Protein backbone atom coordinates (compact mmCIF):
# COMPACT_ATOMS: atom_id res chain seq x y z
CA UNK A 1 324.64 74.75 106.88
CA UNK A 2 321.65 73.87 104.65
CA UNK A 3 318.35 75.55 105.33
CA UNK A 4 315.50 73.26 106.23
CA UNK A 5 312.08 72.24 105.03
CA UNK A 6 310.08 73.17 108.14
CA UNK A 7 306.72 71.60 109.02
CA UNK A 8 304.76 73.11 111.90
CA UNK A 9 301.73 72.00 113.92
CA UNK A 10 300.23 73.81 116.89
CA UNK A 11 299.69 70.56 118.78
CA UNK A 12 301.67 68.24 120.99
CA UNK A 13 303.16 65.16 119.34
CA UNK A 14 302.70 62.29 119.28
CA UNK A 15 298.95 61.99 119.73
CA UNK A 16 296.14 60.32 117.77
CA UNK A 17 294.52 62.74 115.35
CA UNK A 18 294.14 62.47 111.58
CA UNK A 19 295.39 65.99 110.87
CA UNK A 20 298.54 65.33 112.89
CA UNK A 21 299.18 62.00 111.20
CA UNK A 22 298.77 63.76 107.84
CA UNK A 23 301.32 66.46 108.67
CA UNK A 24 303.84 64.02 110.12
CA UNK A 25 303.53 61.80 107.04
CA UNK A 26 304.29 64.80 104.84
CA UNK A 27 307.41 65.54 106.89
CA UNK A 28 308.34 61.84 106.82
CA UNK A 29 308.05 61.88 103.02
CA UNK A 30 310.10 65.05 102.60
CA UNK A 31 312.86 63.52 104.71
CA UNK A 32 312.63 60.24 102.78
CA UNK A 33 313.28 62.25 99.61
CA UNK A 34 316.46 63.52 101.23
CA UNK A 35 315.43 67.06 102.15
CA UNK A 36 316.81 68.27 105.49
CA UNK A 37 313.50 68.36 107.33
CA UNK A 38 312.41 69.76 110.67
CA UNK A 39 309.08 69.13 112.36
CA UNK A 40 308.20 71.78 114.95
CA UNK A 41 305.37 71.25 117.40
CA UNK A 42 304.09 72.42 120.76
CA UNK A 43 305.40 70.78 123.94
CA UNK A 44 303.19 71.29 127.01
CA UNK A 45 304.71 68.40 128.96
CA UNK A 46 306.86 68.32 132.08
CA UNK A 47 310.02 69.00 130.08
CA UNK A 48 308.58 72.37 129.01
CA UNK A 49 309.66 73.68 132.43
CA UNK A 50 313.36 73.44 131.60
CA UNK A 51 314.43 77.06 131.08
CA UNK A 52 317.29 76.31 128.67
CA UNK A 53 314.74 74.99 126.20
CA UNK A 54 313.05 78.39 126.05
CA UNK A 55 316.22 79.99 124.70
CA UNK A 56 317.56 76.99 122.77
CA UNK A 57 314.76 74.87 121.24
CA UNK A 58 317.27 72.63 119.51
CA UNK A 59 316.48 69.94 116.98
CA UNK A 60 316.57 66.35 118.16
CA UNK A 61 316.52 63.00 116.33
CA UNK A 62 313.39 60.90 116.02
CA UNK A 63 313.19 58.40 118.87
CA UNK A 64 311.83 54.85 118.64
CA UNK A 65 308.47 55.67 120.23
CA UNK A 66 307.78 58.50 117.79
CA UNK A 67 309.00 56.36 114.89
CA UNK A 68 306.60 53.49 115.67
CA UNK A 69 303.72 55.83 116.44
CA UNK A 70 303.87 57.33 112.94
CA UNK A 71 305.64 54.50 111.08
CA UNK A 72 308.56 56.75 110.14
CA UNK A 73 310.53 55.29 107.24
CA UNK A 74 314.09 54.17 107.86
CA UNK A 75 315.27 56.33 104.98
CA UNK A 76 313.84 59.43 106.68
CA UNK A 77 315.61 59.08 110.02
CA UNK A 78 318.84 60.73 108.91
CA UNK A 79 317.06 63.75 107.43
CA UNK A 80 314.19 64.29 109.87
CA UNK A 81 314.59 66.08 113.19
CA UNK A 82 312.01 67.18 115.75
CA UNK A 83 311.78 70.62 117.34
CA UNK A 84 309.46 70.57 120.38
CA UNK A 85 308.64 74.17 121.31
CA UNK A 86 308.37 74.41 125.10
CA UNK A 87 305.11 75.98 126.30
CA UNK A 88 305.23 76.10 130.13
CA UNK A 89 302.47 77.47 132.36
CA UNK A 90 300.71 79.92 131.91
CA UNK A 91 300.79 79.42 128.12
CA UNK A 92 297.39 78.13 126.99
CA UNK A 93 296.29 77.89 130.63
CA UNK A 94 295.58 81.57 131.18
CA UNK A 95 293.31 83.03 128.50
CA UNK A 96 295.14 86.02 127.06
CA UNK A 97 296.67 86.84 123.70
CA UNK A 98 300.16 86.96 125.18
CA UNK A 99 299.78 83.52 126.78
CA UNK A 100 298.41 81.85 123.66
CA UNK A 101 300.58 79.11 122.14
CA UNK A 102 300.06 80.58 118.70
CA UNK A 103 301.42 83.94 119.84
CA UNK A 104 304.46 82.34 121.47
CA UNK A 105 305.19 80.17 118.44
CA UNK A 106 304.69 82.94 115.87
CA UNK A 107 306.09 85.93 117.76
CA UNK A 108 308.93 84.33 119.71
CA UNK A 109 310.10 80.91 118.54
CA UNK A 110 309.63 81.52 114.81
CA UNK A 111 311.51 84.81 114.33
CA UNK A 112 314.19 84.20 116.98
CA UNK A 113 315.00 80.52 116.56
CA UNK A 114 313.55 79.04 113.37
CA UNK A 115 313.31 81.56 110.53
CA UNK A 116 317.02 81.98 109.77
CA UNK A 117 317.46 78.24 109.18
CA UNK A 118 314.27 77.68 107.16
CA UNK A 119 314.08 77.46 103.37
CA UNK A 120 310.36 76.65 103.14
CA UNK A 121 307.48 76.46 105.62
CA UNK A 122 304.76 73.83 105.22
CA UNK A 123 301.82 74.12 107.62
CA UNK A 124 298.07 73.91 108.19
CA UNK A 125 298.29 76.78 110.70
CA UNK A 126 297.35 80.07 109.01
CA UNK A 127 298.81 82.21 111.83
CA UNK A 128 302.18 80.51 111.43
CA UNK A 129 301.96 80.85 107.65
CA UNK A 130 301.40 84.60 108.02
CA UNK A 131 304.33 84.90 110.43
CA UNK A 132 306.58 83.17 107.88
CA UNK A 133 305.44 85.43 105.04
CA UNK A 134 306.07 88.54 107.14
CA UNK A 135 309.58 87.24 107.80
CA UNK A 136 310.21 86.78 104.06
CA UNK A 137 310.08 82.97 104.03
CA UNK A 138 308.06 81.14 101.34
CA UNK A 139 305.08 79.06 102.44
CA UNK A 140 303.09 76.00 101.45
CA UNK A 141 299.74 76.26 103.24
CA UNK A 142 297.39 73.29 103.52
CA UNK A 143 293.65 73.80 104.05
CA UNK A 144 291.48 70.69 104.20
CA UNK A 145 288.18 72.07 105.51
CA UNK A 146 285.62 74.56 104.29
CA UNK A 147 286.47 78.06 105.41
CA UNK A 148 283.99 80.89 105.90
CA UNK A 149 286.41 83.52 107.21
CA UNK A 150 288.06 85.59 104.46
CA UNK A 151 291.84 85.42 104.19
CA UNK A 152 293.63 88.73 104.70
CA UNK A 153 294.16 90.19 101.18
CA UNK A 154 297.81 91.11 101.71
CA UNK A 155 298.59 87.56 102.84
CA UNK A 156 296.34 85.80 100.32
CA UNK A 157 298.11 87.52 97.42
CA UNK A 158 301.60 87.57 98.94
CA UNK A 159 304.16 86.50 96.33
CA UNK A 160 305.87 84.18 98.82
CA UNK A 161 302.64 82.25 99.40
CA UNK A 162 303.68 79.63 96.90
CA UNK A 163 300.67 77.34 96.92
CA UNK A 164 297.58 76.54 98.96
CA UNK A 165 296.95 72.80 98.97
CA UNK A 166 293.67 71.03 99.62
CA UNK A 167 292.58 67.45 99.06
CA UNK A 168 289.15 67.90 97.48
CA UNK A 169 287.70 70.29 94.91
CA UNK A 170 284.70 71.35 97.03
CA UNK A 171 287.09 72.78 99.62
CA UNK A 172 289.13 74.41 96.86
CA UNK A 173 286.03 76.37 95.84
CA UNK A 174 285.53 77.77 99.35
CA UNK A 175 289.22 78.74 99.61
CA UNK A 176 288.99 80.72 96.37
CA UNK A 177 285.69 82.25 97.44
CA UNK A 178 287.40 83.56 100.57
CA UNK A 179 290.19 85.38 98.83
CA UNK A 180 293.04 83.09 97.74
CA UNK A 181 293.73 83.58 93.99
CA UNK A 182 292.57 80.50 92.09
CA UNK A 183 295.97 80.10 90.43
CA UNK A 184 297.51 79.54 93.88
CA UNK A 185 295.10 76.76 94.95
CA UNK A 186 295.66 73.13 93.96
CA UNK A 187 293.97 69.86 94.85
CA UNK A 188 296.43 67.12 95.76
CA UNK A 189 295.01 63.94 97.36
CA UNK A 190 296.52 62.49 100.50
CA UNK A 191 298.78 59.47 100.26
CA UNK A 192 299.82 56.21 101.84
CA UNK A 193 302.77 55.35 104.03
CA UNK A 194 305.14 52.98 102.26
CA UNK A 195 305.48 51.07 105.52
CA UNK A 196 301.95 49.72 104.95
CA UNK A 197 303.26 47.87 101.88
CA UNK A 198 305.76 45.83 103.90
CA UNK A 199 304.38 42.33 104.48
CA UNK A 200 304.35 40.93 108.02
CA UNK A 201 302.33 37.69 107.74
CA UNK A 202 303.48 36.30 111.09
CA UNK A 203 302.40 39.41 112.99
CA UNK A 204 299.13 39.52 111.03
CA UNK A 205 298.46 35.93 112.04
CA UNK A 206 299.07 36.84 115.67
CA UNK A 207 296.27 39.41 115.36
CA UNK A 208 293.98 36.77 113.88
CA UNK A 209 294.82 34.27 116.60
CA UNK A 210 294.08 36.89 119.24
CA UNK A 211 290.77 38.09 117.80
CA UNK A 212 289.30 35.07 116.02
CA UNK A 213 288.42 32.80 118.90
CA UNK A 214 285.50 30.40 118.27
CA UNK A 215 282.94 30.90 116.81
CA UNK A 216 284.58 33.70 114.82
CA UNK A 217 286.32 32.82 111.56
CA UNK A 218 286.57 36.14 109.71
CA UNK A 219 287.82 39.58 110.72
CA UNK A 220 286.47 42.97 109.62
CA UNK A 221 288.44 46.04 110.70
CA UNK A 222 287.43 49.67 110.97
CA UNK A 223 290.27 52.12 111.65
CA UNK A 224 289.74 55.79 112.43
CA UNK A 225 287.86 58.20 114.63
CA UNK A 226 284.98 56.68 116.60
CA UNK A 227 282.10 58.95 115.61
CA UNK A 228 278.55 58.17 114.57
CA UNK A 229 278.96 60.16 111.34
CA UNK A 230 281.94 57.97 110.46
CA UNK A 231 279.54 55.02 110.39
CA UNK A 232 280.64 53.29 113.60
CA UNK A 233 277.05 52.97 114.83
CA UNK A 234 276.11 51.45 111.49
CA UNK A 235 278.67 48.71 112.09
CA UNK A 236 277.16 48.01 115.50
CA UNK A 237 273.72 47.80 113.89
CA UNK A 238 274.74 45.25 111.28
CA UNK A 239 277.09 43.15 113.47
CA UNK A 240 274.33 40.71 114.61
CA UNK A 241 273.87 39.66 110.97
CA UNK A 242 277.44 38.31 110.93
CA UNK A 243 277.66 35.91 113.90
CA UNK A 244 280.91 34.34 112.63
CA UNK A 245 282.62 37.66 111.97
CA UNK A 246 284.61 39.65 114.53
CA UNK A 247 284.40 43.43 114.01
CA UNK A 248 287.45 45.25 115.37
CA UNK A 249 287.38 49.02 115.89
CA UNK A 250 290.81 50.66 116.03
CA UNK A 251 291.30 54.34 116.86
CA UNK A 252 289.83 57.22 118.79
CA UNK A 253 290.77 58.90 122.07
CA UNK A 254 290.00 57.22 125.40
CA UNK A 255 286.56 58.83 125.89
CA UNK A 256 285.38 57.67 122.45
CA UNK A 257 286.66 54.18 123.13
CA UNK A 258 284.81 53.99 126.45
CA UNK A 259 281.61 55.32 124.87
CA UNK A 260 281.59 52.49 122.36
CA UNK A 261 282.62 49.85 124.87
CA UNK A 262 279.59 50.88 126.91
CA UNK A 263 277.32 50.80 123.85
CA UNK A 264 278.61 47.38 122.80
CA UNK A 265 277.94 46.04 126.31
CA UNK A 266 274.45 47.57 126.37
CA UNK A 267 273.66 46.01 122.99
CA UNK A 268 275.08 42.66 124.06
CA UNK A 269 277.37 42.42 121.03
CA UNK A 270 279.94 39.70 121.51
CA UNK A 271 281.44 40.03 118.03
CA UNK A 272 282.60 43.66 118.28
CA UNK A 273 285.87 44.63 119.96
CA UNK A 274 287.27 48.12 120.65
CA UNK A 275 291.04 47.84 120.30
CA UNK A 276 291.91 51.43 121.14
CA UNK A 277 294.33 53.63 119.28
CA UNK A 278 297.16 51.77 117.56
CA UNK A 279 300.40 53.35 116.42
CA UNK A 280 300.84 53.38 112.66
CA UNK A 281 303.29 50.46 112.70
CA UNK A 282 300.87 48.16 114.54
CA UNK A 283 297.89 49.39 112.53
CA UNK A 284 299.60 48.32 109.30
CA UNK A 285 299.80 44.76 110.61
CA UNK A 286 296.20 44.74 111.82
CA UNK A 287 294.93 45.84 108.39
CA UNK A 288 296.85 42.97 106.81
CA UNK A 289 295.22 40.54 109.26
CA UNK A 290 291.67 41.40 108.19
CA UNK A 291 289.39 39.66 105.71
CA UNK A 292 287.78 43.01 104.84
CA UNK A 293 288.13 46.67 105.79
CA UNK A 294 285.15 48.95 106.43
CA UNK A 295 284.64 52.60 105.44
CA UNK A 296 280.95 53.13 106.37
CA UNK A 297 280.91 56.96 106.39
CA UNK A 298 277.43 58.55 106.57
CA UNK A 299 276.03 61.52 104.66
CA UNK A 300 276.24 64.98 106.25
CA UNK A 301 278.46 68.05 106.17
CA UNK A 302 281.64 66.09 106.87
CA UNK A 303 280.94 63.87 103.87
CA UNK A 304 281.41 66.89 101.59
CA UNK A 305 285.03 67.52 102.61
CA UNK A 306 286.36 64.52 104.54
CA UNK A 307 289.80 63.45 103.43
CA UNK A 308 289.92 59.65 103.02
CA UNK A 309 293.23 59.30 104.83
CA UNK A 310 292.47 55.76 105.95
CA UNK A 311 291.48 54.57 102.48
CA UNK A 312 295.00 54.97 101.13
CA UNK A 313 296.46 52.89 103.96
CA UNK A 314 293.59 50.42 103.60
CA UNK A 315 294.53 49.86 99.96
CA UNK A 316 298.24 49.65 100.78
CA UNK A 317 297.42 46.67 103.02
CA UNK A 318 295.92 44.87 100.01
CA UNK A 319 292.83 43.85 102.02
CA UNK A 320 289.52 44.36 100.13
CA UNK A 321 287.60 47.46 101.16
CA UNK A 322 283.84 48.06 101.48
CA UNK A 323 283.07 51.78 101.25
CA UNK A 324 280.06 54.09 100.99
CA UNK A 325 279.59 56.56 98.14
CA UNK A 326 279.87 59.96 99.79
CA UNK A 327 280.31 63.27 97.92
CA UNK A 328 283.97 63.72 98.85
CA UNK A 329 284.84 60.43 97.14
CA UNK A 330 283.12 61.11 93.82
CA UNK A 331 286.39 62.07 92.11
CA UNK A 332 288.75 60.15 94.38
CA UNK A 333 291.57 58.83 92.19
CA UNK A 334 291.53 55.21 93.40
CA UNK A 335 287.79 54.57 93.12
CA UNK A 336 288.39 51.50 90.95
CA UNK A 337 290.52 49.85 93.64
CA UNK A 338 287.67 49.60 96.17
CA UNK A 339 286.27 46.07 96.27
CA UNK A 340 282.64 47.12 96.86
CA UNK A 341 280.76 50.41 96.94
CA UNK A 342 277.32 50.93 98.44
CA UNK A 343 274.95 53.78 99.12
CA UNK A 344 275.46 55.61 102.44
CA UNK A 345 273.01 55.62 105.37
CA UNK A 346 271.60 52.26 104.26
CA UNK A 347 272.66 49.52 106.69
CA UNK A 348 271.28 46.69 104.55
CA UNK A 349 273.23 47.94 101.54
CA UNK A 350 276.41 47.75 103.60
CA UNK A 351 275.44 44.27 104.80
CA UNK A 352 274.98 43.06 101.22
CA UNK A 353 278.27 44.59 100.04
CA UNK A 354 280.25 43.25 102.99
CA UNK A 355 278.77 39.77 102.63
CA UNK A 356 279.63 39.78 98.92
CA UNK A 357 283.24 40.72 99.63
CA UNK A 358 283.68 38.13 102.39
CA UNK A 359 282.28 35.41 100.15
CA UNK A 360 284.08 36.37 96.94
CA UNK A 361 287.49 37.54 98.18
CA UNK A 362 288.81 34.70 100.35
CA UNK A 363 291.92 35.54 102.33
CA UNK A 364 294.96 33.31 101.84
CA UNK A 365 297.22 32.35 104.74
CA UNK A 366 299.73 34.97 103.57
CA UNK A 367 297.10 37.69 103.31
CA UNK A 368 296.25 39.86 100.33
CA UNK A 369 298.57 41.55 97.85
CA UNK A 370 298.24 45.29 97.20
CA UNK A 371 298.15 46.76 93.71
CA UNK A 372 301.44 48.63 93.96
CA UNK A 373 301.22 49.87 90.37
CA UNK A 374 297.96 51.69 91.04
CA UNK A 375 299.16 52.97 94.42
CA UNK A 376 302.62 54.22 93.47
CA UNK A 377 301.50 57.69 92.26
CA UNK A 378 299.81 58.26 95.64
CA UNK A 379 302.67 57.71 98.05
CA UNK A 380 303.37 60.55 100.47
CA UNK A 381 306.69 61.03 98.68
CA UNK A 382 304.91 61.48 95.35
CA UNK A 383 302.59 63.97 97.02
CA UNK A 384 305.49 66.08 98.31
CA UNK A 385 307.09 66.04 94.87
CA UNK A 386 303.80 67.18 93.35
CA UNK A 387 303.45 70.02 95.85
CA UNK A 388 307.04 71.15 95.31
CA UNK A 389 306.36 71.31 91.58
CA UNK A 390 304.18 74.34 92.39
CA UNK A 391 306.96 75.98 94.41
CA UNK A 392 309.50 78.18 92.62
CA UNK A 393 312.74 76.21 92.26
CA UNK A 394 314.70 78.93 94.06
CA UNK A 395 312.67 78.24 97.22
CA UNK A 396 313.11 74.46 97.27
CA UNK A 397 314.93 73.13 100.33
CA UNK A 398 318.52 72.26 99.44
CA UNK A 399 319.30 68.58 99.00
CA UNK A 400 322.64 67.31 100.37
CA UNK A 401 325.35 67.85 97.77
CA UNK A 402 323.47 70.59 95.95
CA UNK A 403 325.10 73.98 95.54
CA UNK A 404 323.22 77.24 95.62
């Protein structure tokens, strides 16, 4: 029985959050490459009360709902399995170390049910990474945010800690400053889901027919978290200057959506619509329906480390993108593919850039065509291959047909 490439998140899946989408896309890519892949996550739902799942957290195939939510590739379905780790009451409901989901995952599920079948752990959860190292299993650890807490020296220098991956050099500096040897830390940008390259002009036109009722003739889409610092309020501020443009906001949990619906109503904006969170399959079609895509991120702490997850999928849609120049994008590898850049925190600059794009990049009936040559090195599959190039060959998950 081959040992698996195990991805772990201490969250329930599926749910809308960028860090979860990122991890699932990595697992999706590993499975697409043919590696026997398992994705373990926390299950706090009703099924967590079934006692047999506490002693046998078996792997299960990806169902249709999960597949559409994350746009799982057809080629990954045979190699990717899910392992929901049951966390019944009082886990995470009663505040105590022994009833913490991290403790249960790291002290019970990992050593008793997962470790023996795992070739390599890939996670953003440092507690789980440490548990794997203590069990003698090699680890790929991802860290995408600045860290101020020092890493434990014995774990930071552990020979089985193969590589620490981040997506931006400013975060790399803080990781090294807090104890990870520089030779172990690499910057590897995020990627795009190949499903966003598939053209669906009929479905895209359905989005346009739904959203572009008179007097609206052009569609601008923002996809992502609904926060002020992401530039959502800037879009509301400039919307009145585009009376023939419909602005569609896709993403965010229910409370964020309601907050902006209330703001839009208070401002009397008839050309802004909150669409709610869309699964990755439907989002791909919405991006293809747009005349332009907006990335209006503001300056601030987040702008020094934010991972431009949406920008890769934006570009995979082929639709021209208007983006602000924030510090985390200074060395972004696909800078030249953005249709228009403008200075952040300047609404009029965004207005001018957006108007230029809408006037100079007319959308055809079939939509836009992505630059697949420029994008190819930044697929999630290419990212996994890059990360594995930093992992000793002896610790690579075994591909079907390979012999140890």
